[in-house]
C-alpha atoms as a PDB file:
ATOM      1  CA  MET A   1     -54.830  -9.046   4.172  1.00  0.00           C
ATOM      2  CA  LEU A   2     -51.099  -8.722   4.678  1.00  0.00           C
ATOM      3  CA  VAL A   3     -50.451 -12.137   3.092  1.00  0.00           C
ATOM      4  CA  VAL A   4     -52.288 -11.191  -0.125  1.00  0.00           C
ATOM      5  CA  GLY A   5     -49.823  -8.352  -0.813  1.00  0.00           C
ATOM      6  CA  LEU A   6     -46.850 -10.466   0.183  1.00  0.00           C
ATOM      7  CA  VAL A   7     -47.384 -13.281  -2.336  1.00  0.00           C
ATOM      8  CA  PRO A   8     -46.900 -11.177  -5.526  1.00  0.00           C
ATOM      9  CA  TRP A   9     -43.838  -9.528  -3.991  1.00  0.00           C
ATOM     10  CA  LEU A  10     -42.296 -12.910  -3.140  1.00  0.00           C
ATOM     11  CA  PHE A  11     -42.985 -14.193  -6.661  1.00  0.00           C
ATOM     12  CA  LYS A  12     -41.367 -11.122  -8.250  1.00  0.00           C
ATOM     13  CA  ARG A  13     -38.333 -11.476  -6.009  1.00  0.00           C
ATOM     14  CA  TRP A  14     -37.994 -15.196  -6.787  1.00  0.00           C
ATOM     15  CA  SER A  15     -38.367 -14.545 -10.519  1.00  0.00           C
ATOM     16  CA  PHE A  16     -35.763 -11.746 -10.418  1.00  0.00           C
ATOM     17  CA  ASN A  17     -33.255 -13.959  -8.579  1.00  0.00           C
ATOM     18  CA  LEU A  18     -33.797 -16.833 -11.008  1.00  0.00           C
ATOM     19  CA  LYS A  19     -33.185 -14.594 -14.045  1.00  0.00           C
ATOM     20  CA  ARG A  20     -30.103 -13.072 -12.405  1.00  0.00           C
ATOM     21  CA  LYS A  21     -28.690 -16.526 -11.707  1.00  0.00           C
ATOM     22  CA  ARG A  22     -29.235 -17.592 -15.335  1.00  0.00           C
ATOM     23  CA  ARG A  23     -27.543 -14.419 -16.655  1.00  0.00           C
ATOM     24  CA  ARG A  24     -24.614 -14.881 -14.288  1.00  0.00           C
ATOM     25  CA  ASN A  25     -24.168 -18.542 -15.251  1.00  0.00           C
ATOM     26  CA  TYR A  26     -24.291 -17.711 -18.971  1.00  0.00           C
ATOM     27  CA  TYR A  27     -21.797 -14.886 -18.484  1.00  0.00           C
ATOM     28  CA  ARG A  28     -19.315 -16.987 -16.501  1.00  0.00           C
ATOM     29  CA  ASN A  29     -19.647 -20.319 -18.285  1.00  0.00           C
ATOM     30  CA  THR A  30     -20.263 -19.276 -21.886  1.00  0.00           C
ATOM     31  CA  TYR A  31     -19.454 -15.657 -22.702  1.00  0.00           C
ATOM     32  CA  LEU A  32     -16.107 -15.354 -20.894  1.00  0.00           C
ATOM     33  CA  LYS A  33     -14.905 -18.472 -22.734  1.00  0.00           C
ATOM     34  CA  SER A  34     -16.012 -17.286 -26.174  1.00  0.00           C
ATOM     35  CA  ASP A  35     -13.818 -16.046 -29.018  1.00  0.00           C
ATOM     36  CA  GLU A  36     -15.823 -12.819 -29.042  1.00  0.00           C
ATOM     37  CA  TRP A  37     -14.744 -12.053 -25.461  1.00  0.00           C
ATOM     38  CA  LYS A  38     -11.127 -12.999 -26.196  1.00  0.00           C
ATOM     39  CA  ARG A  39     -11.049 -10.513 -29.096  1.00  0.00           C
ATOM     40  CA  LYS A  40     -12.675  -7.774 -27.042  1.00  0.00           C
ATOM     41  CA  ARG A  41     -10.293  -8.428 -24.138  1.00  0.00           C
ATOM     42  CA  TYR A  42      -7.287  -8.163 -26.460  1.00  0.00           C
ATOM     43  CA  VAL A  43      -8.546  -4.874 -27.935  1.00  0.00           C
ATOM     44  CA  VAL A  44      -8.969  -3.362 -24.449  1.00  0.00           C
ATOM     45  CA  LEU A  45      -5.551  -4.522 -23.226  1.00  0.00           C
ATOM     46  CA  LYS A  46      -3.913  -3.164 -26.389  1.00  0.00           C
ATOM     47  CA  ARG A  47      -5.813   0.147 -26.102  1.00  0.00           C
ATOM     48  CA  ASP A  48      -4.539   0.621 -22.546  1.00  0.00           C
ATOM     49  CA  ASN A  49      -1.012  -0.506 -23.521  1.00  0.00           C
ATOM     50  CA  TRP A  50      -1.210  -3.518 -21.195  1.00  0.00           C
ATOM     51  CA  LYS A  51      -1.053  -1.237 -18.141  1.00  0.00           C
ATOM     52  CA  CYS A  52      -3.438  -1.119 -15.197  1.00  0.00           C
ATOM     53  CA  VAL A  53      -5.492   2.070 -15.368  1.00  0.00           C
ATOM     54  CA  TYR A  54      -5.442   2.326 -11.559  1.00  0.00           C
ATOM     55  CA  CYS A  55      -1.819   1.671 -10.535  1.00  0.00           C
ATOM     56  CA  GLY A  56       0.188   1.451 -13.779  1.00  0.00           C
ATOM     57  CA  LYS A  57       1.424  -2.139 -13.283  1.00  0.00           C
ATOM     58  CA  ARG A  58       1.185  -4.738 -16.056  1.00  0.00           C
ATOM     59  CA  ALA A  59      -2.485  -5.467 -16.720  1.00  0.00           C
ATOM     60  CA  THR A  60      -3.527  -9.101 -17.029  1.00  0.00           C
ATOM     61  CA  GLN A  61      -7.295  -8.729 -16.702  1.00  0.00           C
ATOM     62  CA  VAL A  62     -10.149  -6.632 -18.054  1.00  0.00           C
ATOM     63  CA  HIS A  63     -12.664  -5.030 -15.694  1.00  0.00           C
ATOM     64  CA  HIS A  64     -16.245  -4.093 -16.544  1.00  0.00           C
ATOM     65  CA  LYS A  65     -17.104  -0.636 -15.226  1.00  0.00           C
ATOM     66  CA  ARG A  66     -20.687  -1.414 -16.268  1.00  0.00           C
ATOM     67  CA  TYR A  67     -22.517  -4.490 -17.514  1.00  0.00           C
ATOM     68  CA  ALA A  68     -25.031  -4.783 -20.332  1.00  0.00           C
ATOM     69  CA  LYS A  69     -27.975  -6.212 -18.402  1.00  0.00           C
ATOM     70  CA  LYS A  70     -30.085  -7.489 -21.273  1.00  0.00           C
ATOM     71  CA  ASN A  71     -27.515  -7.971 -24.038  1.00  0.00           C
ATOM     72  CA  ILE A  72     -24.597  -9.761 -22.439  1.00  0.00           C
ATOM     73  CA  GLY A  73     -21.525  -9.285 -24.565  1.00  0.00           C
ATOM     74  CA  LYS A  74     -22.839  -6.170 -26.276  1.00  0.00           C
ATOM     75  CA  GLU A  75     -21.172  -3.750 -23.871  1.00  0.00           C
ATOM     76  CA  PRO A  76     -19.188  -0.999 -25.584  1.00  0.00           C
ATOM     77  CA  ILE A  77     -15.403  -1.049 -25.306  1.00  0.00           C
ATOM     78  CA  LYS A  78     -15.491   2.190 -23.293  1.00  0.00           C
ATOM     79  CA  TRP A  79     -17.137   0.274 -20.411  1.00  0.00           C
ATOM     80  CA  LEU A  80     -14.048  -1.962 -20.140  1.00  0.00           C
ATOM     81  CA  VAL A  81     -10.633  -1.130 -18.651  1.00  0.00           C
ATOM     82  CA  SER A  82      -7.337  -2.976 -18.324  1.00  0.00           C
ATOM     83  CA  ILE A  83      -6.439  -3.826 -14.765  1.00  0.00           C
ATOM     84  CA  CYS A  84      -3.905  -5.855 -12.761  1.00  0.00           C
ATOM     85  CA  LYS A  85      -5.029  -8.760 -10.592  1.00  0.00           C
ATOM     86  CA  SER A  86      -4.398  -7.005  -7.261  1.00  0.00           C
ATOM     87  CA  CYS A  87      -6.478  -3.948  -8.224  1.00  0.00           C
ATOM     88  CA  HIS A  88      -9.199  -6.204  -9.640  1.00  0.00           C
ATOM     89  CA  ASP A  89      -9.354  -8.141  -6.360  1.00  0.00           C
ATOM     90  CA  LYS A  90      -9.673  -4.855  -4.431  1.00  0.00           C
ATOM     91  CA  LEU A  91     -12.597  -3.739  -6.597  1.00  0.00           C
ATOM     92  CA  HIS A  92     -14.468  -7.006  -6.068  1.00  0.00           C
END
């Protein structure tokens, strides 16, 4: 009886992990290399005057405070902040 309830749970977990892996691969290998992302990144860095919002140093990266789970790349600009590499490494 215990096995019957376990099988659907295992399938859901496997399916979830597979979809997450596909989203992550698309995000890393396609979206972050796109012109759309480069434009959005520039807008965020310019908005924050190329300064890290956490420490005030020169920002070289853009950090997502939130991710758009279903529509990758459709996150609003307000979810993004300029950040230096050392602060970005601390957050991840």
